[in-house]
């Protein structure tokens, strides 16, 4: 979809915003389905059960609305950061999604350093495994197009700035010292490359899943982390 929109001549920021709007629309559609459940509580249920049903529907609907709003807000902030980058020659191809077969070591290190700065600033945690970080980033960064590799550190920093509150919630809940922390269940919550994974989940989730599942024997880890990031940041 990114490539298709890119062929229309839309800028990277516009593409990013349009994709986010599509995602937000899907969430709003789900919200409508949830709202419809408000009238479907069991007819023979007690008043207490009926009240609990309505409260659950209301809470779920509110959370979905929050997710949709947040998706658009963060996309606009990231798009604004993208539009401030130097404009490339108009004679260059407009494709935004040329795959890369391998990411250079220097690029991996630059992204890792940025991810570590962000992660430590949010968690204060430094007992992560840098070798594991490098191994994972060598794979995850394959979901960044060749055209975006050079500016990816800036893109990651813009994402972290726009989504700081959401990242704080993630690590405060599931990260080091969090109420629901369980490194054995999902080690990504204790690793700095998780910042990159979050950004890719918001940008190109299917591409990320494809490269991850193709090269890393840890499908459940990504699946669990995805659930934390997408659905696990509401009230405890």
C-alpha atoms as a PDB file:
ATOM      1  CA  UNK A   1       0.000   0.000   0.000  1.00  0.00           C
ATOM      2  CA  UNK A   2       2.870   2.351   0.827  1.00  0.00           C
ATOM      3  CA  UNK A   3       4.383   1.798  -2.615  1.00  0.00           C
ATOM      4  CA  UNK A   4       1.017   2.290  -4.326  1.00  0.00           C
ATOM      5  CA  UNK A   5       0.393   5.625  -2.580  1.00  0.00           C
ATOM      6  CA  UNK A   6       3.987   6.656  -3.262  1.00  0.00           C
ATOM      7  CA  UNK A   7       3.467   6.277  -7.016  1.00  0.00           C
ATOM      8  CA  UNK A   8       0.916   9.113  -6.877  1.00  0.00           C
ATOM      9  CA  UNK A   9       3.696  11.551  -6.019  1.00  0.00           C
ATOM     10  CA  UNK A  10       2.734  11.916  -2.361  1.00  0.00           C
ATOM     11  CA  UNK A  11       5.544  12.930  -0.028  1.00  0.00           C
ATOM     12  CA  UNK A  12       6.819  10.497   2.654  1.00  0.00           C
ATOM     13  CA  UNK A  13       4.985  12.482   5.328  1.00  0.00           C
ATOM     14  CA  UNK A  14       1.730  12.393   3.375  1.00  0.00           C
ATOM     15  CA  UNK A  15       2.070   8.647   2.819  1.00  0.00           C
ATOM     16  CA  UNK A  16       2.716   8.108   6.520  1.00  0.00           C
ATOM     17  CA  UNK A  17      -0.363  10.155   7.464  1.00  0.00           C
ATOM     18  CA  UNK A  18      -2.615   8.408   4.945  1.00  0.00           C
ATOM     19  CA  UNK A  19      -1.602   4.955   6.148  1.00  0.00           C
ATOM     20  CA  UNK A  20      -2.268   6.012   9.742  1.00  0.00           C
ATOM     21  CA  UNK A  21      -5.695   7.350   8.757  1.00  0.00           C
ATOM     22  CA  UNK A  22      -6.565   3.993   7.194  1.00  0.00           C
ATOM     23  CA  UNK A  23      -5.509   2.200  10.366  1.00  0.00           C
ATOM     24  CA  UNK A  24      -7.446   4.625  12.532  1.00  0.00           C
ATOM     25  CA  UNK A  25     -10.518   4.080  10.357  1.00  0.00           C
ATOM     26  CA  UNK A  26     -10.268   0.334  10.906  1.00  0.00           C
ATOM     27  CA  UNK A  27     -10.099   0.884  14.666  1.00  0.00           C
ATOM     28  CA  UNK A  28     -13.111   3.189  14.544  1.00  0.00           C
ATOM     29  CA  UNK A  29     -14.990   0.487  12.644  1.00  0.00           C
ATOM     30  CA  UNK A  30     -14.191  -1.945  15.445  1.00  0.00           C
ATOM     31  CA  UNK A  31     -15.394   0.641  17.947  1.00  0.00           C
ATOM     32  CA  UNK A  32     -18.753   0.733  16.180  1.00  0.00           C
ATOM     33  CA  UNK A  33     -19.050  -3.034  16.506  1.00  0.00           C
ATOM     34  CA  UNK A  34     -18.295  -2.811  20.222  1.00  0.00           C
ATOM     35  CA  UNK A  35     -20.851  -0.043  20.777  1.00  0.00           C
ATOM     36  CA  UNK A  36     -23.482  -2.265  19.156  1.00  0.00           C
ATOM     37  CA  UNK A  37     -22.874  -4.837  21.900  1.00  0.00           C
ATOM     38  CA  UNK A  38     -24.307  -2.453  24.496  1.00  0.00           C
ATOM     39  CA  UNK A  39     -27.830  -3.679  23.747  1.00  0.00           C
ATOM     40  CA  UNK A  40     -26.882  -7.363  23.691  1.00  0.00           C
ATOM     41  CA  UNK A  41     -26.432  -8.110  27.369  1.00  0.00           C
ATOM     42  CA  UNK A  42     -28.131 -11.384  28.400  1.00  0.00           C
ATOM     43  CA  UNK A  43     -31.802 -10.596  28.978  1.00  0.00           C
ATOM     44  CA  UNK A  44     -32.081 -12.831  32.034  1.00  0.00           C
ATOM     45  CA  UNK A  45     -28.924 -11.498  33.695  1.00  0.00           C
ATOM     46  CA  UNK A  46     -29.009  -9.794  37.075  1.00  0.00           C
ATOM     47  CA  UNK A  47     -28.832  -6.027  37.414  1.00  0.00           C
ATOM     48  CA  UNK A  48     -25.215  -6.386  38.550  1.00  0.00           C
ATOM     49  CA  UNK A  49     -24.263  -8.362  35.457  1.00  0.00           C
ATOM     50  CA  UNK A  50     -26.145  -5.920  33.230  1.00  0.00           C
ATOM     51  CA  UNK A  51     -24.278  -2.991  34.771  1.00  0.00           C
ATOM     52  CA  UNK A  52     -20.941  -4.790  34.396  1.00  0.00           C
ATOM     53  CA  UNK A  53     -21.719  -5.522  30.737  1.00  0.00           C
ATOM     54  CA  UNK A  54     -22.459  -1.867  29.981  1.00  0.00           C
ATOM     55  CA  UNK A  55     -19.341  -0.703  31.788  1.00  0.00           C
ATOM     56  CA  UNK A  56     -17.198  -3.180  29.853  1.00  0.00           C
ATOM     57  CA  UNK A  57     -18.652  -2.003  26.538  1.00  0.00           C
ATOM     58  CA  UNK A  58     -18.095   1.639  27.477  1.00  0.00           C
ATOM     59  CA  UNK A  59     -14.507   0.999  28.589  1.00  0.00           C
ATOM     60  CA  UNK A  60     -13.693  -0.953  25.420  1.00  0.00           C
ATOM     61  CA  UNK A  61     -15.252   1.694  23.205  1.00  0.00           C
ATOM     62  CA  UNK A  62     -13.339   4.491  24.935  1.00  0.00           C
ATOM     63  CA  UNK A  63     -10.050   2.609  24.602  1.00  0.00           C
ATOM     64  CA  UNK A  64     -10.582   1.996  20.870  1.00  0.00           C
ATOM     65  CA  UNK A  65     -11.392   5.679  20.351  1.00  0.00           C
ATOM     66  CA  UNK A  66      -8.196   6.572  22.199  1.00  0.00           C
ATOM     67  CA  UNK A  67      -6.157   4.212  20.014  1.00  0.00           C
ATOM     68  CA  UNK A  68      -7.603   5.710  16.820  1.00  0.00           C
ATOM     69  CA  UNK A  69      -6.931   9.284  17.965  1.00  0.00           C
ATOM     70  CA  UNK A  70      -3.422   8.409  19.114  1.00  0.00           C
ATOM     71  CA  UNK A  71      -2.612   6.709  15.809  1.00  0.00           C
ATOM     72  CA  UNK A  72      -3.473   9.832  13.820  1.00  0.00           C
ATOM     73  CA  UNK A  73      -1.789  12.215  16.282  1.00  0.00           C
ATOM     74  CA  UNK A  74       1.492  10.315  16.293  1.00  0.00           C
ATOM     75  CA  UNK A  75       1.464   9.932  12.515  1.00  0.00           C
ATOM     76  CA  UNK A  76       1.041  13.679  12.054  1.00  0.00           C
ATOM     77  CA  UNK A  77       3.957  14.389  14.394  1.00  0.00           C
ATOM     78  CA  UNK A  78       6.187  11.865  12.616  1.00  0.00           C
ATOM     79  CA  UNK A  79       5.090  13.183   9.216  1.00  0.00           C
ATOM     80  CA  UNK A  80       6.008  16.717  10.232  1.00  0.00           C
ATOM     81  CA  UNK A  81       9.491  15.502  11.144  1.00  0.00           C
ATOM     82  CA  UNK A  82       9.817  13.708   7.806  1.00  0.00           C
ATOM     83  CA  UNK A  83       8.864  16.838   5.852  1.00  0.00           C
ATOM     84  CA  UNK A  84      11.713  18.815   7.432  1.00  0.00           C
ATOM     85  CA  UNK A  85      14.351  16.552   5.848  1.00  0.00           C
ATOM     86  CA  UNK A  86      16.272  17.746   2.785  1.00  0.00           C
ATOM     87  CA  UNK A  87      14.284  17.343  -0.422  1.00  0.00           C
ATOM     88  CA  UNK A  88      15.828  14.922  -2.901  1.00  0.00           C
ATOM     89  CA  UNK A  89      16.080  15.617  -6.592  1.00  0.00           C
ATOM     90  CA  UNK A  90      12.740  15.370  -8.356  1.00  0.00           C
ATOM     91  CA  UNK A  91      14.416  13.298 -11.051  1.00  0.00           C
ATOM     92  CA  UNK A  92      14.991  10.508  -8.525  1.00  0.00           C
ATOM     93  CA  UNK A  93      12.553   7.586  -8.356  1.00  0.00           C
ATOM     94  CA  UNK A  94       9.582   8.097  -6.031  1.00  0.00           C
ATOM     95  CA  UNK A  95       9.518   4.515  -4.733  1.00  0.00           C
ATOM     96  CA  UNK A  96       9.497   4.360  -0.941  1.00  0.00           C
ATOM     97  CA  UNK A  97       9.814   0.660  -0.304  1.00  0.00           C
ATOM     98  CA  UNK A  98      12.787  -0.895  -2.044  1.00  0.00           C
ATOM     99  CA  UNK A  99      13.763  -3.887   0.129  1.00  0.00           C
ATOM    100  CA  UNK A 100      17.300  -4.374   1.378  1.00  0.00           C
ATOM    101  CA  UNK A 101      18.902  -7.812   1.559  1.00  0.00           C
ATOM    102  CA  UNK A 102      21.362  -6.844   4.262  1.00  0.00           C
ATOM    103  CA  UNK A 103      21.839  -3.866   6.551  1.00  0.00           C
ATOM    104  CA  UNK A 104      25.379  -2.594   7.004  1.00  0.00           C
ATOM    105  CA  UNK A 105      27.084  -2.898  10.375  1.00  0.00           C
ATOM    106  CA  UNK A 106      27.552   0.872  10.648  1.00  0.00           C
ATOM    107  CA  UNK A 107      23.831   1.451  10.124  1.00  0.00           C
ATOM    108  CA  UNK A 108      22.955  -1.181  12.726  1.00  0.00           C
ATOM    109  CA  UNK A 109      25.293   0.463  15.233  1.00  0.00           C
ATOM    110  CA  UNK A 110      23.936   3.957  14.603  1.00  0.00           C
ATOM    111  CA  UNK A 111      20.356   2.805  15.092  1.00  0.00           C
ATOM    112  CA  UNK A 112      21.320   0.768  18.156  1.00  0.00           C
ATOM    113  CA  UNK A 113      23.010   3.782  19.751  1.00  0.00           C
ATOM    114  CA  UNK A 114      19.896   5.883  19.159  1.00  0.00           C
ATOM    115  CA  UNK A 115      17.624   3.142  20.490  1.00  0.00           C
ATOM    116  CA  UNK A 116      19.798   2.750  23.596  1.00  0.00           C
ATOM    117  CA  UNK A 117      19.665   6.504  24.297  1.00  0.00           C
ATOM    118  CA  UNK A 118      15.896   6.505  24.009  1.00  0.00           C
ATOM    119  CA  UNK A 119      15.402   3.300  26.013  1.00  0.00           C
ATOM    120  CA  UNK A 120      17.700   4.312  28.882  1.00  0.00           C
ATOM    121  CA  UNK A 121      16.149   7.793  29.055  1.00  0.00           C
ATOM    122  CA  UNK A 122      12.728   6.170  29.480  1.00  0.00           C
ATOM    123  CA  UNK A 123      13.645   3.292  31.799  1.00  0.00           C
ATOM    124  CA  UNK A 124      17.021   3.981  33.404  1.00  0.00           C
ATOM    125  CA  UNK A 125      17.780   0.316  32.672  1.00  0.00           C
ATOM    126  CA  UNK A 126      21.197  -0.628  31.291  1.00  0.00           C
ATOM    127  CA  UNK A 127      21.415  -4.382  32.006  1.00  0.00           C
ATOM    128  CA  UNK A 128      20.250  -5.355  28.525  1.00  0.00           C
ATOM    129  CA  UNK A 129      22.067  -7.691  26.137  1.00  0.00           C
ATOM    130  CA  UNK A 130      23.809  -5.632  23.396  1.00  0.00           C
ATOM    131  CA  UNK A 131      24.694  -8.734  21.371  1.00  0.00           C
ATOM    132  CA  UNK A 132      21.031  -9.712  21.279  1.00  0.00           C
ATOM    133  CA  UNK A 133      20.161  -6.145  20.292  1.00  0.00           C
ATOM    134  CA  UNK A 134      22.520  -6.267  17.332  1.00  0.00           C
ATOM    135  CA  UNK A 135      21.245  -9.682  16.239  1.00  0.00           C
ATOM    136  CA  UNK A 136      17.646  -8.502  16.265  1.00  0.00           C
ATOM    137  CA  UNK A 137      18.302  -5.145  14.626  1.00  0.00           C
ATOM    138  CA  UNK A 138      20.141  -6.788  11.741  1.00  0.00           C
ATOM    139  CA  UNK A 139      16.799  -8.418  10.949  1.00  0.00           C
ATOM    140  CA  UNK A 140      14.298  -5.736  11.989  1.00  0.00           C
ATOM    141  CA  UNK A 141      16.057  -3.025   9.961  1.00  0.00           C
ATOM    142  CA  UNK A 142      15.391  -5.040   6.808  1.00  0.00           C
ATOM    143  CA  UNK A 143      11.827  -3.743   7.145  1.00  0.00           C
ATOM    144  CA  UNK A 144      13.162  -0.213   6.551  1.00  0.00           C
ATOM    145  CA  UNK A 145      13.247   0.584   2.836  1.00  0.00           C
ATOM    146  CA  UNK A 146      16.511   1.408   1.103  1.00  0.00           C
ATOM    147  CA  UNK A 147      15.240   4.968   0.572  1.00  0.00           C
ATOM    148  CA  UNK A 148      14.611   5.481   4.290  1.00  0.00           C
ATOM    149  CA  UNK A 149      17.739   3.858   5.729  1.00  0.00           C
ATOM    150  CA  UNK A 150      19.879   7.015   5.691  1.00  0.00           C
ATOM    151  CA  UNK A 151      17.330   9.081   7.605  1.00  0.00           C
ATOM    152  CA  UNK A 152      16.042   6.331   9.827  1.00  0.00           C
ATOM    153  CA  UNK A 153      17.753   7.481  13.041  1.00  0.00           C
ATOM    154  CA  UNK A 154      15.981  10.840  12.729  1.00  0.00           C
ATOM    155  CA  UNK A 155      12.734   9.048  11.971  1.00  0.00           C
ATOM    156  CA  UNK A 156      13.153   6.888  15.084  1.00  0.00           C
ATOM    157  CA  UNK A 157      13.911   9.909  17.259  1.00  0.00           C
ATOM    158  CA  UNK A 158      10.840  11.732  15.914  1.00  0.00           C
ATOM    159  CA  UNK A 159       8.716   8.677  16.617  1.00  0.00           C
ATOM    160  CA  UNK A 160      10.024   8.431  20.194  1.00  0.00           C
ATOM    161  CA  UNK A 161       9.374  12.114  20.811  1.00  0.00           C
ATOM    162  CA  UNK A 162       5.831  11.960  19.450  1.00  0.00           C
ATOM    163  CA  UNK A 163       5.045   8.685  21.230  1.00  0.00           C
ATOM    164  CA  UNK A 164       6.911   9.301  24.487  1.00  0.00           C
ATOM    165  CA  UNK A 165       3.805   8.952  26.667  1.00  0.00           C
ATOM    166  CA  UNK A 166       2.892   5.661  25.039  1.00  0.00           C
ATOM    167  CA  UNK A 167       6.448   4.310  25.387  1.00  0.00           C
ATOM    168  CA  UNK A 168       6.521   5.345  29.043  1.00  0.00           C
ATOM    169  CA  UNK A 169       3.320   3.371  29.588  1.00  0.00           C
ATOM    170  CA  UNK A 170       4.750   0.337  27.806  1.00  0.00           C
ATOM    171  CA  UNK A 171       7.954   0.164  29.826  1.00  0.00           C
ATOM    172  CA  UNK A 172       6.286   1.252  33.052  1.00  0.00           C
ATOM    173  CA  UNK A 173       3.890  -1.641  32.749  1.00  0.00           C
ATOM    174  CA  UNK A 174       5.906  -4.428  31.102  1.00  0.00           C
ATOM    175  CA  UNK A 175       9.508  -3.210  31.184  1.00  0.00           C
ATOM    176  CA  UNK A 176      12.158  -3.393  33.913  1.00  0.00           C
ATOM    177  CA  UNK A 177      10.474  -2.994  37.292  1.00  0.00           C
ATOM    178  CA  UNK A 178       7.018  -2.796  35.712  1.00  0.00           C
ATOM    179  CA  UNK A 179       3.922  -4.174  37.390  1.00  0.00           C
ATOM    180  CA  UNK A 180       3.564  -6.885  34.746  1.00  0.00           C
ATOM    181  CA  UNK A 181       7.242  -7.313  33.886  1.00  0.00           C
ATOM    182  CA  UNK A 182       8.156 -10.838  32.809  1.00  0.00           C
ATOM    183  CA  UNK A 183      11.353 -10.959  30.798  1.00  0.00           C
ATOM    184  CA  UNK A 184      11.067 -14.724  30.316  1.00  0.00           C
ATOM    185  CA  UNK A 185       7.668 -14.238  28.671  1.00  0.00           C
ATOM    186  CA  UNK A 186       8.748 -11.410  26.330  1.00  0.00           C
ATOM    187  CA  UNK A 187      12.378 -10.294  26.518  1.00  0.00           C
ATOM    188  CA  UNK A 188      11.840  -7.392  24.108  1.00  0.00           C
ATOM    189  CA  UNK A 189      10.377  -5.270  26.916  1.00  0.00           C
ATOM    190  CA  UNK A 190      13.847  -5.250  28.514  1.00  0.00           C
ATOM    191  CA  UNK A 191      15.802  -4.523  25.317  1.00  0.00           C
ATOM    192  CA  UNK A 192      16.469  -1.150  23.604  1.00  0.00           C
ATOM    193  CA  UNK A 193      15.713  -2.488  20.121  1.00  0.00           C
ATOM    194  CA  UNK A 194      12.100  -2.674  21.292  1.00  0.00           C
ATOM    195  CA  UNK A 195      11.862   1.057  20.455  1.00  0.00           C
ATOM    196  CA  UNK A 196      12.619   0.207  16.831  1.00  0.00           C
ATOM    197  CA  UNK A 197      10.135  -2.674  16.906  1.00  0.00           C
ATOM    198  CA  UNK A 198       7.426  -0.285  18.158  1.00  0.00           C
ATOM    199  CA  UNK A 199       8.153   2.181  15.372  1.00  0.00           C
ATOM    200  CA  UNK A 200       8.058  -0.564  12.738  1.00  0.00           C
ATOM    201  CA  UNK A 201       4.811  -1.978  14.188  1.00  0.00           C
ATOM    202  CA  UNK A 202       3.222   1.432  13.701  1.00  0.00           C
ATOM    203  CA  UNK A 203       4.719   1.916  10.218  1.00  0.00           C
ATOM    204  CA  UNK A 204       4.974  -1.442   8.426  1.00  0.00           C
ATOM    205  CA  UNK A 205       3.614  -4.213  10.698  1.00  0.00           C
ATOM    206  CA  UNK A 206       3.244  -6.846   7.985  1.00  0.00           C
ATOM    207  CA  UNK A 207       6.709  -6.213   6.578  1.00  0.00           C
ATOM    208  CA  UNK A 208       8.191  -6.422  10.076  1.00  0.00           C
ATOM    209  CA  UNK A 209       6.369  -9.686  10.776  1.00  0.00           C
ATOM    210  CA  UNK A 210       7.584 -11.153   7.490  1.00  0.00           C
ATOM    211  CA  UNK A 211      11.286 -10.464   8.065  1.00  0.00           C
ATOM    212  CA  UNK A 212      11.063 -11.398  11.742  1.00  0.00           C
ATOM    213  CA  UNK A 213       9.361 -14.744  11.184  1.00  0.00           C
ATOM    214  CA  UNK A 214      11.653 -15.534   8.266  1.00  0.00           C
ATOM    215  CA  UNK A 215      14.890 -15.083  10.215  1.00  0.00           C
ATOM    216  CA  UNK A 216      14.209 -15.163  13.959  1.00  0.00           C
ATOM    217  CA  UNK A 217      12.985 -18.261  15.784  1.00  0.00           C
ATOM    218  CA  UNK A 218      10.882 -16.197  18.156  1.00  0.00           C
ATOM    219  CA  UNK A 219       7.454 -15.723  16.604  1.00  0.00           C
ATOM    220  CA  UNK A 220       5.679 -15.772  19.979  1.00  0.00           C
ATOM    221  CA  UNK A 221       7.955 -13.035  21.291  1.00  0.00           C
ATOM    222  CA  UNK A 222       6.906 -10.621  18.546  1.00  0.00           C
ATOM    223  CA  UNK A 223       3.278 -11.684  18.868  1.00  0.00           C
ATOM    224  CA  UNK A 224       3.244 -11.026  22.620  1.00  0.00           C
ATOM    225  CA  UNK A 225       5.069  -7.731  22.275  1.00  0.00           C
ATOM    226  CA  UNK A 226       2.655  -6.622  19.556  1.00  0.00           C
ATOM    227  CA  UNK A 227      -0.278  -7.262  21.894  1.00  0.00           C
ATOM    228  CA  UNK A 228       1.400  -5.223  24.635  1.00  0.00           C
ATOM    229  CA  UNK A 229       2.010  -2.314  22.264  1.00  0.00           C
ATOM    230  CA  UNK A 230      -1.377  -2.322  20.561  1.00  0.00           C
ATOM    231  CA  UNK A 231      -3.766  -3.374  23.290  1.00  0.00           C
ATOM    232  CA  UNK A 232      -1.972  -3.456  26.634  1.00  0.00           C
ATOM    233  CA  UNK A 233      -1.522   0.210  27.463  1.00  0.00           C
ATOM    234  CA  UNK A 234      -4.927   1.002  28.940  1.00  0.00           C
ATOM    235  CA  UNK A 235      -5.623   1.356  32.655  1.00  0.00           C
ATOM    236  CA  UNK A 236      -4.183  -1.466  34.815  1.00  0.00           C
END
